[in-house]
Amino acid sequence: MKSAVVAVVGRTNAGKSTLVNRLVGEKVSIVSPVEQTTRNTVRGIVEDARGQLVLLDTPGLHKAVGELGRLLNRMARRSSAGADILCVLFDASVLPQMEDVGWMQRIRRERPERVLFVLNKADKAPFHEAEYLAAWQESAVAPDAAGEPQEAAPEKQEIRWAKAVSVEEGGEREVLDALFEMADEGERLFPEDIVSDYPRRLAIADAIREKFLRHLHQEVPHELGVCVKEIKENGASWAVKADVIVNRASQKPIVIGKGAEIIKKARKAAERELRDVFEVKVSIELWVRVEPNWMKNKRILSEMGYLGGEI
């Protein structure tokens, strides 16, 4: 059998979490049209007749603002460094962006042995396949940090390209086949009956946060966080207490909504999803908490699980 650890990287909102969920066959990572949705490295586990793939869904690289932004970028880079295969996802429905070219230049510079470039949204028009191929070729002659031309990739470096159509059943098949072709022979890294080893508190926090993102759109999202304070288990039911953290007092009524409409909808939707995921009845108690500049506060970031604190 084959096995590999695969880091799925790329710029924000390229479709990484959707691809990971499709490859795993279940929802293990938060999905939203809002940029910077994924704030932790999520491990999804693909079990196949050919073997096992451990997928790291990383935060998207972006122009870092504040402690949280810098932290997310460090997490993405650190995860990719320890993987067997680097899977770089591009949203090919738009022309190559600065972050896309940045990943190409980094690969030229650091030379990971196995790289799969995935052109996502192959069903969209226009589809900029030629432009991404050209950008990769051009990165070979781009100067490095010292101003010197990049050296040619070593012969042992394996570079492949694949396409993905995330909206159609089986649209991830080409990616899955390429990953197994690139994987080495080896034993399973995780038991075959699990799909993720993502910490429970973070999974619950992500589910709650996603439901707010779906209702708030662009009004608050980047300044909204969720911290799970308590999980009480009572047989087949869980009682969860969580804080919804916002940056400014003016954001609190937006998150709550008129007549508490937003917070009620988010709570009920999260309870339904968590019931399906964990197969227990889940009741959630939410409190909205104002923490000015929380994204720069290491104590709060640690409390939320971003700094490797107690989960």
Protein backbone atom coordinates (compact mmCIF):
# COMPACT_ATOMS: atom_id res chain seq x y z
CA MET A 1 0.00 0.00 0.00
CA LYS A 2 0.99 3.66 -0.36
CA SER A 3 0.99 6.49 2.17
CA ALA A 4 1.96 10.15 2.23
CA VAL A 5 1.50 13.38 4.15
CA VAL A 6 0.19 16.04 1.76
CA ALA A 7 0.24 19.77 2.54
CA VAL A 8 -2.53 21.55 0.62
CA VAL A 9 -1.41 25.16 0.25
CA GLY A 10 -2.16 28.26 -1.79
CA ARG A 11 -3.55 31.73 -1.41
CA THR A 12 -6.67 32.47 0.57
CA ASN A 13 -9.99 31.39 -0.92
CA ALA A 14 -8.45 29.23 -3.65
CA GLY A 15 -10.69 26.33 -2.62
CA LYS A 16 -8.32 24.34 -0.38
CA SER A 17 -10.86 23.39 2.28
CA THR A 18 -13.45 22.36 -0.32
CA LEU A 19 -10.88 20.15 -2.07
CA VAL A 20 -9.80 18.53 1.21
CA ASN A 21 -13.41 17.79 2.14
CA ARG A 22 -14.08 16.28 -1.30
CA LEU A 23 -10.95 14.12 -1.16
CA VAL A 24 -11.77 12.87 2.35
CA GLY A 25 -15.42 12.34 1.47
CA GLU A 26 -16.65 14.10 4.59
CA LYS A 27 -16.56 17.61 5.97
CA VAL A 28 -13.41 18.02 8.07
CA SER A 29 -12.58 21.63 7.27
CA ILE A 30 -14.54 24.88 7.43
CA VAL A 31 -15.76 26.13 4.05
CA SER A 32 -16.88 29.69 3.37
CA PRO A 33 -16.68 32.24 0.54
CA VAL A 34 -14.92 34.55 2.98
CA GLU A 35 -11.14 34.80 2.73
CA GLN A 36 -8.94 33.51 5.59
CA THR A 37 -11.63 31.05 6.65
CA THR A 38 -9.21 28.31 7.72
CA ARG A 39 -7.27 29.44 10.77
CA ASN A 40 -5.71 26.14 11.83
CA THR A 41 -3.93 23.30 10.09
CA VAL A 42 -6.58 20.59 9.73
CA ARG A 43 -5.66 16.97 9.12
CA GLY A 44 -8.05 15.04 6.90
CA ILE A 45 -7.40 11.35 6.25
CA VAL A 46 -8.13 9.73 2.89
CA GLU A 47 -8.60 5.96 3.01
CA ASP A 48 -8.43 4.26 -0.40
CA ALA A 49 -7.80 0.79 -1.80
CA ARG A 50 -4.39 2.12 -2.87
CA GLY A 51 -3.44 3.32 0.62
CA GLN A 52 -3.77 6.35 2.87
CA LEU A 53 -3.18 10.08 2.40
CA VAL A 54 -2.98 12.48 5.33
CA LEU A 55 -4.04 15.93 4.11
CA LEU A 56 -2.98 19.12 5.87
CA ASP A 57 -5.44 21.90 5.03
CA THR A 58 -3.39 24.99 5.82
CA PRO A 59 -4.35 28.65 6.29
CA GLY A 60 -4.05 30.54 3.01
CA LEU A 61 -1.06 32.81 2.57
CA HIS A 62 -1.96 36.49 2.45
CA LYS A 63 -0.52 39.86 3.28
CA ALA A 64 -0.13 39.54 7.04
CA VAL A 65 -1.77 42.13 9.26
CA GLY A 66 -1.25 41.82 13.02
CA GLU A 67 -0.24 38.87 15.17
CA LEU A 68 -2.97 36.54 13.87
CA GLY A 69 -2.09 37.23 10.22
CA ARG A 70 1.61 36.56 10.81
CA LEU A 71 0.75 33.44 12.79
CA LEU A 72 -1.43 32.02 10.00
CA ASN A 73 1.32 32.55 7.43
CA ARG A 74 3.88 30.83 9.69
CA MET A 75 1.51 27.88 10.16
CA ALA A 76 1.09 27.47 6.40
CA ARG A 77 4.84 27.54 5.76
CA ARG A 78 5.66 25.21 8.65
CA SER A 79 3.09 22.60 7.57
CA SER A 80 4.33 22.55 3.98
CA ALA A 81 7.93 22.05 5.13
CA GLY A 82 7.19 18.71 6.81
CA ALA A 83 5.06 17.12 4.08
CA ASP A 84 5.94 14.33 1.64
CA ILE A 85 4.00 16.03 -1.16
CA LEU A 86 3.28 19.71 -1.60
CA CYS A 87 -0.10 20.26 -3.28
CA VAL A 88 -0.37 23.86 -4.45
CA LEU A 89 -3.89 24.92 -5.35
CA PHE A 90 -4.56 27.77 -7.77
CA ASP A 91 -7.91 29.38 -8.50
CA ALA A 92 -7.47 29.24 -12.27
CA SER A 93 -10.73 31.09 -12.89
CA VAL A 94 -8.68 34.25 -12.30
CA LEU A 95 -5.25 35.25 -13.57
CA PRO A 96 -2.18 34.35 -11.44
CA GLN A 97 -1.99 36.57 -8.37
CA MET A 98 1.03 37.75 -6.41
CA GLU A 99 0.65 34.95 -3.83
CA ASP A 100 0.44 32.31 -6.60
CA VAL A 101 3.68 33.51 -8.14
CA GLY A 102 5.16 33.63 -4.65
CA TRP A 103 4.49 29.92 -4.16
CA MET A 104 6.10 29.14 -7.51
CA GLN A 105 9.20 31.15 -6.66
CA ARG A 106 9.44 29.52 -3.25
CA ILE A 107 9.29 26.06 -4.85
CA ARG A 108 12.06 27.05 -7.24
CA ARG A 109 14.09 28.27 -4.30
CA GLU A 110 13.47 25.53 -1.72
CA ARG A 111 13.05 22.62 -4.17
CA PRO A 112 10.70 20.20 -2.42
CA GLU A 113 11.02 16.78 -4.02
CA ARG A 114 7.37 16.28 -4.99
CA VAL A 115 4.97 19.04 -6.02
CA LEU A 116 1.48 18.78 -7.45
CA PHE A 117 0.11 22.00 -8.95
CA VAL A 118 -3.70 21.90 -9.06
CA LEU A 119 -5.65 24.22 -11.33
CA ASN A 120 -8.96 24.54 -9.55
CA LYS A 121 -12.34 25.57 -10.98
CA ALA A 122 -11.64 23.98 -14.35
CA ASP A 123 -15.37 24.29 -15.11
CA LYS A 124 -15.25 28.09 -15.04
CA ALA A 125 -14.83 30.37 -18.04
CA PRO A 126 -12.35 31.78 -18.59
CA PHE A 127 -9.97 29.07 -17.38
CA HIS A 128 -6.42 30.42 -17.26
CA GLU A 129 -4.41 27.20 -17.67
CA ALA A 130 -1.94 28.68 -20.15
CA GLU A 131 -1.25 31.69 -17.94
CA TYR A 132 -0.37 29.51 -14.92
CA LEU A 133 1.90 27.29 -17.00
CA ALA A 134 3.60 30.42 -18.34
CA ALA A 135 3.98 31.85 -14.83
CA TRP A 136 5.71 28.65 -13.73
CA GLN A 137 8.12 28.80 -16.67
CA GLU A 138 8.83 32.47 -16.00
CA SER A 139 9.60 31.73 -12.35
CA ALA A 140 12.59 29.69 -13.51
CA VAL A 141 14.36 32.84 -14.66
CA ALA A 142 13.11 35.18 -11.93
CA PRO A 143 15.92 36.42 -9.67
CA ASP A 144 16.20 34.99 -6.16
CA ALA A 145 16.41 37.04 -2.95
CA ALA A 146 20.05 37.88 -3.69
CA GLY A 147 19.22 39.09 -7.21
CA GLU A 148 20.71 36.01 -8.89
CA PRO A 149 18.82 33.94 -11.50
CA GLN A 150 17.12 30.83 -10.08
CA GLU A 151 18.97 27.59 -10.74
CA ALA A 152 17.23 24.86 -12.71
CA ALA A 153 15.17 22.42 -10.67
CA PRO A 154 17.10 19.30 -9.63
CA GLU A 155 16.48 16.17 -11.67
CA LYS A 156 15.00 14.32 -8.70
CA GLN A 157 12.29 16.95 -8.25
CA GLU A 158 8.90 15.68 -9.44
CA ILE A 159 6.50 18.35 -10.69
CA ARG A 160 3.00 17.42 -11.85
CA TRP A 161 -0.13 19.31 -12.86
CA ALA A 162 -3.77 18.34 -12.36
CA LYS A 163 -7.18 19.95 -12.69
CA ALA A 164 -10.06 20.00 -10.22
CA VAL A 165 -13.76 20.71 -10.60
CA SER A 166 -15.08 21.12 -7.07
CA VAL A 167 -18.75 21.52 -8.03
CA GLU A 168 -19.15 18.15 -9.76
CA GLU A 169 -19.21 14.65 -8.29
CA GLY A 170 -15.80 13.10 -8.91
CA GLY A 171 -14.27 16.44 -9.85
CA GLU A 172 -11.37 15.72 -7.51
CA ARG A 173 -10.53 12.33 -9.10
CA GLU A 174 -7.61 13.60 -11.19
CA VAL A 175 -6.02 15.13 -8.09
CA LEU A 176 -6.51 11.97 -6.02
CA ASP A 177 -4.99 9.76 -8.73
CA ALA A 178 -1.96 12.04 -9.07
CA LEU A 179 -1.35 12.08 -5.30
CA PHE A 180 -1.39 8.29 -5.05
CA GLU A 181 0.93 8.01 -8.05
CA MET A 182 3.39 10.33 -6.28
CA ALA A 183 3.12 8.63 -2.87
CA ASP A 184 5.66 6.09 -1.63
CA GLU A 185 5.03 2.56 -0.47
CA GLY A 186 4.41 2.62 3.27
CA GLU A 187 2.19 1.78 6.22
CA ARG A 188 -0.88 3.68 7.40
CA LEU A 189 -0.11 6.66 9.60
CA PHE A 190 -3.56 6.63 11.24
CA PRO A 191 -6.22 3.96 11.90
CA GLU A 192 -8.32 3.38 8.80
CA ASP A 193 -11.65 4.17 10.51
CA ILE A 194 -11.06 7.89 11.21
CA VAL A 195 -11.26 10.85 8.85
CA SER A 196 -9.52 13.48 11.00
CA ASP A 197 -7.50 13.90 14.20
CA TYR A 198 -8.43 17.59 14.48
CA PRO A 199 -8.94 18.54 18.17
CA ARG A 200 -12.60 18.49 19.18
CA ARG A 201 -12.68 22.01 20.68
CA LEU A 202 -11.25 23.50 17.50
CA ALA A 203 -13.66 21.53 15.32
CA ILE A 204 -16.61 22.82 17.35
CA ALA A 205 -15.29 26.39 17.28
CA ASP A 206 -14.82 26.18 13.50
CA ALA A 207 -18.36 24.89 12.99
CA ILE A 208 -19.82 27.76 15.03
CA ARG A 209 -17.67 30.38 13.31
CA GLU A 210 -18.59 29.10 9.86
CA LYS A 211 -22.29 29.55 10.57
CA PHE A 212 -21.74 33.20 11.52
CA LEU A 213 -19.68 33.75 8.36
CA ARG A 214 -22.55 32.48 6.22
CA HIS A 215 -24.92 35.10 7.66
CA LEU A 216 -22.55 38.05 8.14
CA HIS A 217 -20.82 37.94 4.74
CA GLN A 218 -18.35 40.87 4.68
CA GLU A 219 -19.65 42.78 7.69
CA VAL A 220 -17.49 41.34 10.51
CA PRO A 221 -15.85 38.02 9.45
CA HIS A 222 -12.11 38.75 9.71
CA GLU A 223 -12.59 40.22 13.18
CA LEU A 224 -14.76 37.39 14.50
CA GLY A 225 -13.38 34.48 16.51
CA VAL A 226 -14.88 31.65 18.55
CA CYS A 227 -13.47 30.21 21.75
CA VAL A 228 -15.01 27.03 23.19
CA LYS A 229 -14.94 27.42 26.96
CA GLU A 230 -16.58 24.20 28.12
CA ILE A 231 -17.89 20.86 26.86
CA LYS A 232 -20.03 18.91 29.31
CA GLU A 233 -20.75 15.34 28.26
CA ASN A 234 -23.85 13.59 29.58
CA GLY A 235 -24.21 10.27 27.83
CA ALA A 236 -25.59 10.90 24.35
CA SER A 237 -25.72 14.68 24.75
CA TRP A 238 -23.15 17.47 25.02
CA ALA A 239 -23.60 20.96 26.43
CA VAL A 240 -21.17 23.42 24.88
CA LYS A 241 -20.39 26.93 26.10
CA ALA A 242 -18.56 29.23 23.73
CA ASP A 243 -17.61 32.88 23.41
CA VAL A 244 -18.02 34.70 20.11
CA ILE A 245 -15.26 37.31 20.12
CA VAL A 246 -15.45 40.60 18.23
CA ASN A 247 -13.03 43.49 17.95
CA ARG A 248 -15.32 46.47 18.62
CA ALA A 249 -18.43 47.16 20.66
CA SER A 250 -20.23 48.29 17.49
CA GLN A 251 -19.85 44.77 16.06
CA LYS A 252 -21.70 43.11 18.94
CA PRO A 253 -25.26 44.03 17.79
CA ILE A 254 -24.35 42.98 14.22
CA VAL A 255 -23.30 39.51 15.39
CA ILE A 256 -26.38 39.15 17.60
CA GLY A 257 -28.76 40.50 14.93
CA LYS A 258 -32.15 42.12 15.21
CA GLY A 259 -34.21 40.18 17.72
CA ALA A 260 -31.14 37.92 18.19
CA GLU A 261 -31.87 36.49 14.71
CA ILE A 262 -28.25 35.99 13.60
CA ILE A 263 -26.98 34.35 16.77
CA LYS A 264 -30.02 32.05 16.93
CA LYS A 265 -29.60 30.92 13.31
CA ALA A 266 -25.87 30.34 13.75
CA ARG A 267 -26.41 28.39 16.99
CA LYS A 268 -29.11 26.13 15.57
CA ALA A 269 -27.18 25.44 12.36
CA ALA A 270 -24.03 24.59 14.34
CA GLU A 271 -25.97 22.29 16.65
CA ARG A 272 -27.39 20.39 13.66
CA GLU A 273 -24.01 19.98 12.00
CA LEU A 274 -22.21 18.92 15.19
CA ARG A 275 -24.97 16.40 15.93
CA ASP A 276 -24.34 14.80 12.55
CA VAL A 277 -20.54 14.87 12.93
CA PHE A 278 -20.26 13.56 16.50
CA GLU A 279 -23.52 11.54 16.54
CA VAL A 280 -24.68 13.06 19.83
CA LYS A 281 -27.24 15.73 20.70
CA VAL A 282 -25.41 19.05 21.02
CA SER A 283 -26.77 22.14 22.73
CA ILE A 284 -24.74 25.35 22.46
CA GLU A 285 -24.75 28.41 24.70
CA LEU A 286 -23.19 31.45 23.04
CA TRP A 287 -22.01 34.73 24.54
CA VAL A 288 -20.70 37.62 22.46
CA ARG A 289 -17.57 39.13 23.97
CA VAL A 290 -15.80 42.33 22.96
CA GLU A 291 -11.99 42.09 23.03
CA PRO A 292 -10.33 45.10 21.33
CA ASN A 293 -7.42 44.02 19.10
CA TRP A 294 -7.90 40.36 20.07
CA MET A 295 -6.07 39.27 16.90
CA LYS A 296 -2.89 40.80 18.36
CA ASN A 297 -3.40 39.43 21.88
CA LYS A 298 -1.31 36.29 22.46
CA ARG A 299 -3.27 35.35 25.58
CA ILE A 300 -6.54 35.26 23.64
CA LEU A 301 -4.95 33.53 20.64
CA SER A 302 -3.60 30.86 22.98
CA GLU A 303 -7.04 30.51 24.62
CA MET A 304 -8.53 29.94 21.18
CA GLY A 305 -5.93 27.28 20.29
CA TYR A 306 -3.86 29.18 17.70
CA LEU A 307 -0.63 29.15 19.73
CA GLY A 308 -0.62 25.48 20.60
CA GLY A 309 -2.05 26.07 24.04
CA GLU A 310 -4.50 23.83 25.90
CA ILE A 311 -7.10 22.45 23.49
